[in-house]
C-alpha cells in the first residue's frame, strides 16, 4: 500500500510503498538543525518503493555528524525537508515522518531505535524499548 507525503505548501509530492526497514529518532546536531527541534523522526524506506510524483525539490549536501555525506531534499518555496539520502542507509530513503499525509503516521512509525543519544537534550526521555545508539553504527 502506497503512502503519500509532501511539503507544507504542496508543491512537492512523493509516495512510498511497502513497509519501512526501520524507524528512528535522531538526536544529532544536523537533525536538530534540519527539523528546527530537539530531534527528527524518521522512517527508512527502500528507495525502489519511493517515487517523486510532483515538483522538483532543491537539495543540500554536507558532511553529516557521523562523517558521511548526507543530501537533504526540500521544497524551495516553503522550506520543508521531506527526505534525506546518505551512505549510512544506502539503497534507502530517510523519510521525515511528519511529511507523510496520514494523520497517524507519527503513531504508526514509532521509533525502534534512537541515534546519537549522547547529544539528546536532557529533558527528552528515552523511548521505552527503543535501542539506544551512540552514533549511526
N, C-alpha and C. Protein backbone atom coordinates (compact mmCIF):
# COMPACT_ATOMS: atom_id res chain seq x y z
N UNK A 1 0.85 -1.19 0.00
CA UNK A 1 0.00 0.00 0.00
C UNK A 1 0.89 1.24 0.00
N UNK A 2 0.64 2.14 -0.90
CA UNK A 2 1.43 3.36 -1.01
C UNK A 2 0.96 4.39 0.00
N UNK A 3 1.92 5.10 0.53
CA UNK A 3 1.63 6.25 1.39
C UNK A 3 2.08 7.49 0.64
N UNK A 4 1.32 8.56 0.82
CA UNK A 4 1.66 9.81 0.16
C UNK A 4 2.19 10.81 1.17
N UNK A 5 3.01 11.70 0.66
CA UNK A 5 3.55 12.75 1.51
C UNK A 5 3.99 13.92 0.67
N UNK A 6 4.43 14.96 1.35
CA UNK A 6 4.91 16.13 0.63
C UNK A 6 5.22 17.27 1.57
N UNK A 7 5.52 18.39 0.94
CA UNK A 7 5.89 19.58 1.70
C UNK A 7 4.64 20.31 2.20
N UNK A 8 4.87 21.32 3.00
CA UNK A 8 3.78 22.06 3.61
C UNK A 8 2.93 22.80 2.58
N UNK A 9 3.54 23.36 1.54
CA UNK A 9 2.77 24.13 0.56
C UNK A 9 2.16 23.26 -0.55
N UNK A 10 2.58 21.99 -0.65
CA UNK A 10 2.01 21.08 -1.63
C UNK A 10 2.71 21.07 -2.98
N UNK A 11 3.76 21.84 -3.15
CA UNK A 11 4.44 21.89 -4.45
C UNK A 11 5.29 20.66 -4.73
N UNK A 12 5.72 19.95 -3.69
CA UNK A 12 6.49 18.70 -3.85
C UNK A 12 5.66 17.58 -3.24
N UNK A 13 5.49 16.51 -4.01
CA UNK A 13 4.71 15.35 -3.55
C UNK A 13 5.51 14.09 -3.86
N UNK A 14 5.38 13.09 -2.97
CA UNK A 14 6.05 11.80 -3.16
C UNK A 14 5.15 10.68 -2.66
N UNK A 15 5.48 9.47 -3.05
CA UNK A 15 4.83 8.28 -2.48
C UNK A 15 5.92 7.30 -2.05
N UNK A 16 5.59 6.49 -1.05
CA UNK A 16 6.44 5.37 -0.64
C UNK A 16 5.56 4.15 -0.54
N UNK A 17 6.09 3.02 -1.01
CA UNK A 17 5.36 1.76 -0.95
C UNK A 17 6.08 0.79 -0.05
N UNK A 18 5.31 -0.12 0.52
CA UNK A 18 5.88 -1.15 1.38
C UNK A 18 6.01 -0.68 2.80
N UNK A 19 6.74 -1.47 3.56
CA UNK A 19 6.96 -1.18 4.97
C UNK A 19 8.35 -0.58 5.16
N UNK A 20 8.51 0.29 6.15
CA UNK A 20 9.84 0.81 6.40
C UNK A 20 10.76 -0.29 6.92
N UNK A 21 12.03 -0.20 6.56
CA UNK A 21 13.02 -1.16 7.07
C UNK A 21 13.50 -0.75 8.45
N UNK A 22 13.13 0.44 8.87
CA UNK A 22 13.48 0.92 10.19
C UNK A 22 12.80 2.23 10.49
N UNK A 23 12.69 2.51 11.78
CA UNK A 23 12.15 3.79 12.25
C UNK A 23 13.07 4.29 13.34
N UNK A 24 13.43 5.56 13.27
CA UNK A 24 14.43 6.08 14.20
C UNK A 24 14.19 7.54 14.56
N UNK A 25 14.50 7.84 15.80
CA UNK A 25 14.66 9.23 16.21
C UNK A 25 16.13 9.52 16.12
N UNK A 26 16.48 10.68 15.64
CA UNK A 26 17.89 11.05 15.59
C UNK A 26 18.10 12.34 16.37
N UNK A 27 19.06 12.28 17.30
CA UNK A 27 19.36 13.41 18.17
C UNK A 27 20.61 14.18 17.73
N UNK A 28 21.13 13.88 16.53
CA UNK A 28 22.35 14.57 16.09
C UNK A 28 22.08 16.06 15.85
N UNK A 29 23.14 16.82 15.85
CA UNK A 29 23.00 18.26 15.65
C UNK A 29 22.43 18.59 14.26
N UNK A 30 22.81 17.80 13.26
CA UNK A 30 22.27 18.02 11.91
C UNK A 30 20.76 17.88 11.90
N UNK A 31 20.24 16.84 12.53
CA UNK A 31 18.79 16.62 12.55
C UNK A 31 18.07 17.70 13.35
N UNK A 32 18.72 18.19 14.39
CA UNK A 32 18.12 19.30 15.13
C UNK A 32 18.02 20.53 14.23
N UNK A 33 19.07 20.81 13.50
CA UNK A 33 19.06 21.98 12.61
C UNK A 33 18.01 21.84 11.51
N UNK A 34 17.97 20.66 10.88
CA UNK A 34 17.08 20.47 9.74
C UNK A 34 15.60 20.46 10.17
N UNK A 35 15.34 20.02 11.41
CA UNK A 35 13.96 19.97 11.89
C UNK A 35 13.55 21.21 12.67
N UNK A 36 14.55 21.96 13.15
CA UNK A 36 14.24 23.11 13.99
C UNK A 36 13.69 22.69 15.33
N UNK A 37 14.05 21.48 15.77
CA UNK A 37 13.51 20.94 17.01
C UNK A 37 14.58 20.13 17.74
N UNK A 38 14.15 19.32 18.70
CA UNK A 38 15.08 18.58 19.55
C UNK A 38 15.61 17.30 18.91
N UNK A 39 14.95 16.80 17.87
CA UNK A 39 15.34 15.57 17.17
C UNK A 39 14.52 15.47 15.90
N UNK A 40 14.82 14.49 15.08
CA UNK A 40 13.99 14.23 13.91
C UNK A 40 13.42 12.82 14.02
N UNK A 41 12.22 12.66 13.49
CA UNK A 41 11.53 11.37 13.47
C UNK A 41 11.57 10.86 12.04
N UNK A 42 12.19 9.68 11.85
CA UNK A 42 12.48 9.17 10.51
C UNK A 42 11.96 7.76 10.29
N UNK A 43 11.55 7.50 9.06
CA UNK A 43 11.22 6.15 8.61
C UNK A 43 12.10 5.86 7.41
N UNK A 44 12.77 4.72 7.45
CA UNK A 44 13.71 4.36 6.39
C UNK A 44 13.00 3.39 5.45
N UNK A 45 12.79 3.83 4.21
CA UNK A 45 12.10 3.03 3.20
C UNK A 45 13.06 2.66 2.07
N UNK A 46 12.90 1.44 1.51
CA UNK A 46 13.72 1.08 0.34
C UNK A 46 13.48 2.08 -0.79
N UNK A 47 14.58 2.51 -1.44
CA UNK A 47 14.44 3.54 -2.49
C UNK A 47 13.65 3.05 -3.69
N UNK A 48 13.57 1.74 -3.91
CA UNK A 48 12.79 1.27 -5.06
C UNK A 48 11.28 1.42 -4.84
N UNK A 49 10.85 1.70 -3.61
CA UNK A 49 9.44 1.96 -3.33
C UNK A 49 9.11 3.44 -3.24
N UNK A 50 10.12 4.27 -3.48
CA UNK A 50 9.95 5.73 -3.40
C UNK A 50 9.73 6.30 -4.79
N UNK A 51 8.80 7.25 -4.89
CA UNK A 51 8.56 7.90 -6.17
C UNK A 51 8.23 9.37 -5.95
N UNK A 52 8.95 10.24 -6.63
CA UNK A 52 8.63 11.65 -6.65
C UNK A 52 7.51 11.83 -7.67
N UNK A 53 6.36 12.37 -7.27
CA UNK A 53 5.21 12.45 -8.16
C UNK A 53 4.85 13.88 -8.57
N UNK A 54 5.42 14.87 -7.88
CA UNK A 54 5.13 16.25 -8.26
C UNK A 54 6.26 17.15 -7.79
N UNK A 55 6.66 18.06 -8.66
CA UNK A 55 7.62 19.09 -8.30
C UNK A 55 9.07 18.66 -8.43
N UNK A 56 9.93 19.60 -8.15
CA UNK A 56 11.38 19.38 -8.20
C UNK A 56 11.99 19.94 -6.93
N UNK A 57 12.34 19.06 -5.99
CA UNK A 57 12.92 19.57 -4.75
C UNK A 57 14.31 20.14 -4.95
N UNK A 58 14.66 21.03 -4.08
CA UNK A 58 16.04 21.51 -4.02
C UNK A 58 16.78 20.53 -3.13
N UNK A 59 18.12 20.58 -3.20
CA UNK A 59 18.88 19.70 -2.33
C UNK A 59 20.06 20.42 -1.74
N UNK A 60 20.45 19.94 -0.57
CA UNK A 60 21.60 20.48 0.14
C UNK A 60 22.47 19.30 0.56
N UNK A 61 23.76 19.35 0.22
CA UNK A 61 24.69 18.26 0.52
C UNK A 61 25.71 18.76 1.53
N UNK A 62 25.98 17.93 2.54
CA UNK A 62 27.01 18.27 3.53
C UNK A 62 27.55 17.00 4.15
N UNK A 63 28.65 17.14 4.87
CA UNK A 63 29.17 16.03 5.66
C UNK A 63 28.43 16.05 6.99
N UNK A 64 27.77 14.95 7.29
CA UNK A 64 26.94 14.86 8.50
C UNK A 64 27.79 14.62 9.74
N UNK A 65 27.15 14.73 10.90
CA UNK A 65 27.83 14.49 12.18
C UNK A 65 28.51 13.13 12.23
N UNK A 66 27.93 12.15 11.55
CA UNK A 66 28.50 10.80 11.55
C UNK A 66 29.66 10.63 10.58
N UNK A 67 29.97 11.66 9.80
CA UNK A 67 31.10 11.61 8.89
C UNK A 67 30.76 11.30 7.45
N UNK A 68 29.56 10.79 7.17
CA UNK A 68 29.15 10.51 5.80
C UNK A 68 28.48 11.73 5.19
N UNK A 69 28.55 11.79 3.86
CA UNK A 69 27.83 12.84 3.14
C UNK A 69 26.34 12.55 3.25
N UNK A 70 25.56 13.61 3.46
CA UNK A 70 24.11 13.47 3.53
C UNK A 70 23.49 14.53 2.64
N UNK A 71 22.47 14.12 1.88
CA UNK A 71 21.77 15.03 0.98
C UNK A 71 20.35 15.20 1.48
N UNK A 72 19.97 16.43 1.73
CA UNK A 72 18.61 16.75 2.17
C UNK A 72 17.82 17.28 0.99
N UNK A 73 16.60 16.79 0.83
CA UNK A 73 15.72 17.23 -0.24
C UNK A 73 14.58 18.04 0.38
N UNK A 74 14.41 19.26 -0.12
CA UNK A 74 13.45 20.17 0.49
C UNK A 74 12.75 21.01 -0.57
N UNK A 75 11.64 21.61 -0.17
CA UNK A 75 10.88 22.48 -1.06
C UNK A 75 11.53 23.86 -1.08
N UNK A 76 11.81 24.36 -2.26
CA UNK A 76 12.39 25.69 -2.41
C UNK A 76 11.41 26.81 -2.09
N UNK A 77 10.12 26.49 -2.00
CA UNK A 77 9.13 27.52 -1.69
C UNK A 77 8.82 27.61 -0.20
N UNK A 78 8.46 26.47 0.42
CA UNK A 78 8.09 26.52 1.85
C UNK A 78 9.21 26.07 2.77
N UNK A 79 10.24 25.42 2.23
CA UNK A 79 11.39 25.02 3.03
C UNK A 79 11.30 23.67 3.71
N UNK A 80 10.19 22.96 3.57
CA UNK A 80 10.04 21.66 4.23
C UNK A 80 11.05 20.64 3.73
N UNK A 81 11.81 20.03 4.66
CA UNK A 81 12.67 18.91 4.31
C UNK A 81 11.82 17.65 4.38
N UNK A 82 11.82 16.87 3.30
CA UNK A 82 10.96 15.70 3.23
C UNK A 82 11.70 14.38 3.34
N UNK A 83 12.91 14.32 2.76
CA UNK A 83 13.70 13.10 2.86
C UNK A 83 15.17 13.43 2.73
N UNK A 84 15.97 12.42 3.11
CA UNK A 84 17.42 12.56 3.02
C UNK A 84 18.01 11.26 2.47
N UNK A 85 19.15 11.39 1.79
CA UNK A 85 19.92 10.25 1.29
C UNK A 85 21.29 10.28 1.94
N UNK A 86 21.78 9.11 2.34
CA UNK A 86 23.11 9.01 2.92
C UNK A 86 23.65 7.60 2.77
N UNK A 87 24.95 7.46 2.68
CA UNK A 87 25.58 6.14 2.58
C UNK A 87 25.29 5.29 3.81
N UNK A 88 25.00 5.93 4.95
CA UNK A 88 24.67 5.18 6.16
C UNK A 88 23.43 4.31 5.97
N UNK A 89 22.55 4.72 5.08
CA UNK A 89 21.34 3.96 4.76
C UNK A 89 21.26 3.75 3.25
N UNK A 90 22.36 3.31 2.67
CA UNK A 90 22.44 3.10 1.22
C UNK A 90 21.29 2.23 0.72
N UNK A 91 20.73 2.62 -0.44
CA UNK A 91 19.61 1.88 -1.02
C UNK A 91 18.27 2.23 -0.40
N UNK A 92 18.27 3.22 0.47
CA UNK A 92 17.04 3.62 1.18
C UNK A 92 16.87 5.12 1.15
N UNK A 93 15.66 5.55 1.41
CA UNK A 93 15.34 6.96 1.59
C UNK A 93 14.97 7.16 3.06
N UNK A 94 15.53 8.19 3.67
CA UNK A 94 15.21 8.52 5.06
C UNK A 94 14.10 9.57 5.00
N UNK A 95 12.89 9.11 5.21
CA UNK A 95 11.70 9.96 5.11
C UNK A 95 11.44 10.64 6.44
N UNK A 96 11.20 11.93 6.41
CA UNK A 96 10.80 12.67 7.60
C UNK A 96 9.32 12.36 7.83
N UNK A 97 9.04 11.62 8.90
CA UNK A 97 7.70 11.07 9.13
C UNK A 97 6.63 12.16 9.16
N UNK A 98 6.95 13.33 9.67
CA UNK A 98 5.98 14.42 9.73
C UNK A 98 5.53 14.92 8.37
N UNK A 99 6.21 14.51 7.29
CA UNK A 99 5.81 14.94 5.95
C UNK A 99 4.86 13.95 5.29
N UNK A 100 4.60 12.80 5.93
CA UNK A 100 3.59 11.87 5.40
C UNK A 100 2.21 12.45 5.67
N UNK A 101 1.28 12.24 4.74
CA UNK A 101 -0.06 12.81 4.85
C UNK A 101 -0.91 12.17 5.95
N UNK A 102 -0.70 10.92 6.23
CA UNK A 102 -1.51 10.19 7.21
C UNK A 102 -1.38 10.84 8.58
N UNK A 103 -2.52 11.24 9.13
CA UNK A 103 -2.52 11.87 10.45
C UNK A 103 -1.97 10.94 11.54
N UNK A 104 -1.99 9.64 11.30
CA UNK A 104 -1.49 8.67 12.27
C UNK A 104 -0.04 8.26 12.01
N UNK A 105 0.63 8.89 11.07
CA UNK A 105 1.98 8.46 10.69
C UNK A 105 2.95 8.45 11.86
N UNK A 106 2.90 9.47 12.69
CA UNK A 106 3.83 9.50 13.83
C UNK A 106 3.50 8.40 14.84
N UNK A 107 2.25 8.01 14.90
CA UNK A 107 1.84 6.91 15.80
C UNK A 107 2.26 5.56 15.22
N UNK A 108 2.04 5.37 13.92
CA UNK A 108 2.32 4.07 13.31
C UNK A 108 3.79 3.86 12.98
N UNK A 109 4.58 4.91 13.02
CA UNK A 109 6.02 4.81 12.75
C UNK A 109 6.82 5.04 14.04
N UNK A 110 6.38 4.41 15.10
CA UNK A 110 7.06 4.55 16.40
C UNK A 110 8.53 4.16 16.27
N UNK A 111 9.42 4.99 16.74
CA UNK A 111 10.85 4.70 16.62
C UNK A 111 11.26 3.43 17.37
N UNK A 112 12.02 2.59 16.68
CA UNK A 112 12.55 1.37 17.29
C UNK A 112 14.00 1.55 17.71
N UNK A 113 14.59 2.68 17.30
CA UNK A 113 15.98 2.97 17.61
C UNK A 113 16.13 4.48 17.79
N UNK A 114 17.03 4.87 18.67
CA UNK A 114 17.39 6.27 18.83
C UNK A 114 18.87 6.40 18.52
N UNK A 115 19.21 7.37 17.67
CA UNK A 115 20.58 7.57 17.22
C UNK A 115 21.19 8.82 17.86
N UNK A 116 22.50 8.81 18.02
CA UNK A 116 23.25 9.92 18.59
C UNK A 116 22.71 10.32 19.96
N UNK A 117 22.47 9.30 20.81
CA UNK A 117 21.88 9.55 22.12
C UNK A 117 22.73 10.42 23.05
N UNK A 118 24.07 10.47 22.91
CA UNK A 118 24.82 11.36 23.80
C UNK A 118 24.46 12.84 23.62
N UNK A 119 23.89 13.20 22.47
CA UNK A 119 23.51 14.60 22.25
C UNK A 119 22.01 14.83 22.45
N UNK A 120 21.33 13.83 23.00
CA UNK A 120 19.90 14.01 23.34
C UNK A 120 19.80 15.13 24.37
N UNK A 121 18.81 16.01 24.22
CA UNK A 121 18.63 17.05 25.22
C UNK A 121 18.15 16.39 26.52
N UNK A 122 18.57 16.89 27.67
CA UNK A 122 18.31 16.20 28.93
C UNK A 122 16.84 16.07 29.31
N UNK A 123 15.98 16.91 28.80
CA UNK A 123 14.57 16.83 29.17
C UNK A 123 13.74 15.97 28.23
N UNK A 124 14.39 15.30 27.25
CA UNK A 124 13.71 14.34 26.37
C UNK A 124 14.08 12.94 26.85
N UNK A 125 13.12 12.18 27.38
CA UNK A 125 13.43 10.84 27.89
C UNK A 125 13.63 9.82 26.77
N UNK A 126 14.28 8.71 27.11
CA UNK A 126 14.42 7.58 26.19
C UNK A 126 13.04 7.05 25.84
N UNK A 127 12.92 6.51 24.64
CA UNK A 127 11.69 5.83 24.26
C UNK A 127 11.78 4.42 24.83
N UNK A 128 10.85 4.02 25.68
CA UNK A 128 10.91 2.68 26.26
C UNK A 128 10.96 1.60 25.18
N UNK A 129 11.94 0.70 25.29
CA UNK A 129 12.07 -0.41 24.36
C UNK A 129 12.87 -0.10 23.11
N UNK A 130 13.15 1.16 22.82
CA UNK A 130 13.91 1.52 21.63
C UNK A 130 15.40 1.30 21.89
N UNK A 131 16.09 0.75 20.91
CA UNK A 131 17.53 0.56 21.03
C UNK A 131 18.20 1.93 21.08
N UNK A 132 19.17 2.08 21.95
CA UNK A 132 19.86 3.34 22.15
C UNK A 132 21.26 3.23 21.54
N UNK A 133 21.57 4.11 20.57
CA UNK A 133 22.85 4.05 19.87
C UNK A 133 23.63 5.34 20.09
N UNK A 134 24.94 5.22 20.27
CA UNK A 134 25.83 6.36 20.44
C UNK A 134 25.95 7.15 19.13
N UNK A 135 25.96 6.44 18.00
CA UNK A 135 26.09 7.05 16.67
C UNK A 135 25.10 6.34 15.77
N UNK A 136 25.40 6.30 14.47
CA UNK A 136 24.56 5.57 13.50
C UNK A 136 24.93 4.10 13.45
N UNK A 137 26.18 3.78 13.71
CA UNK A 137 26.68 2.40 13.55
C UNK A 137 26.16 1.48 14.63
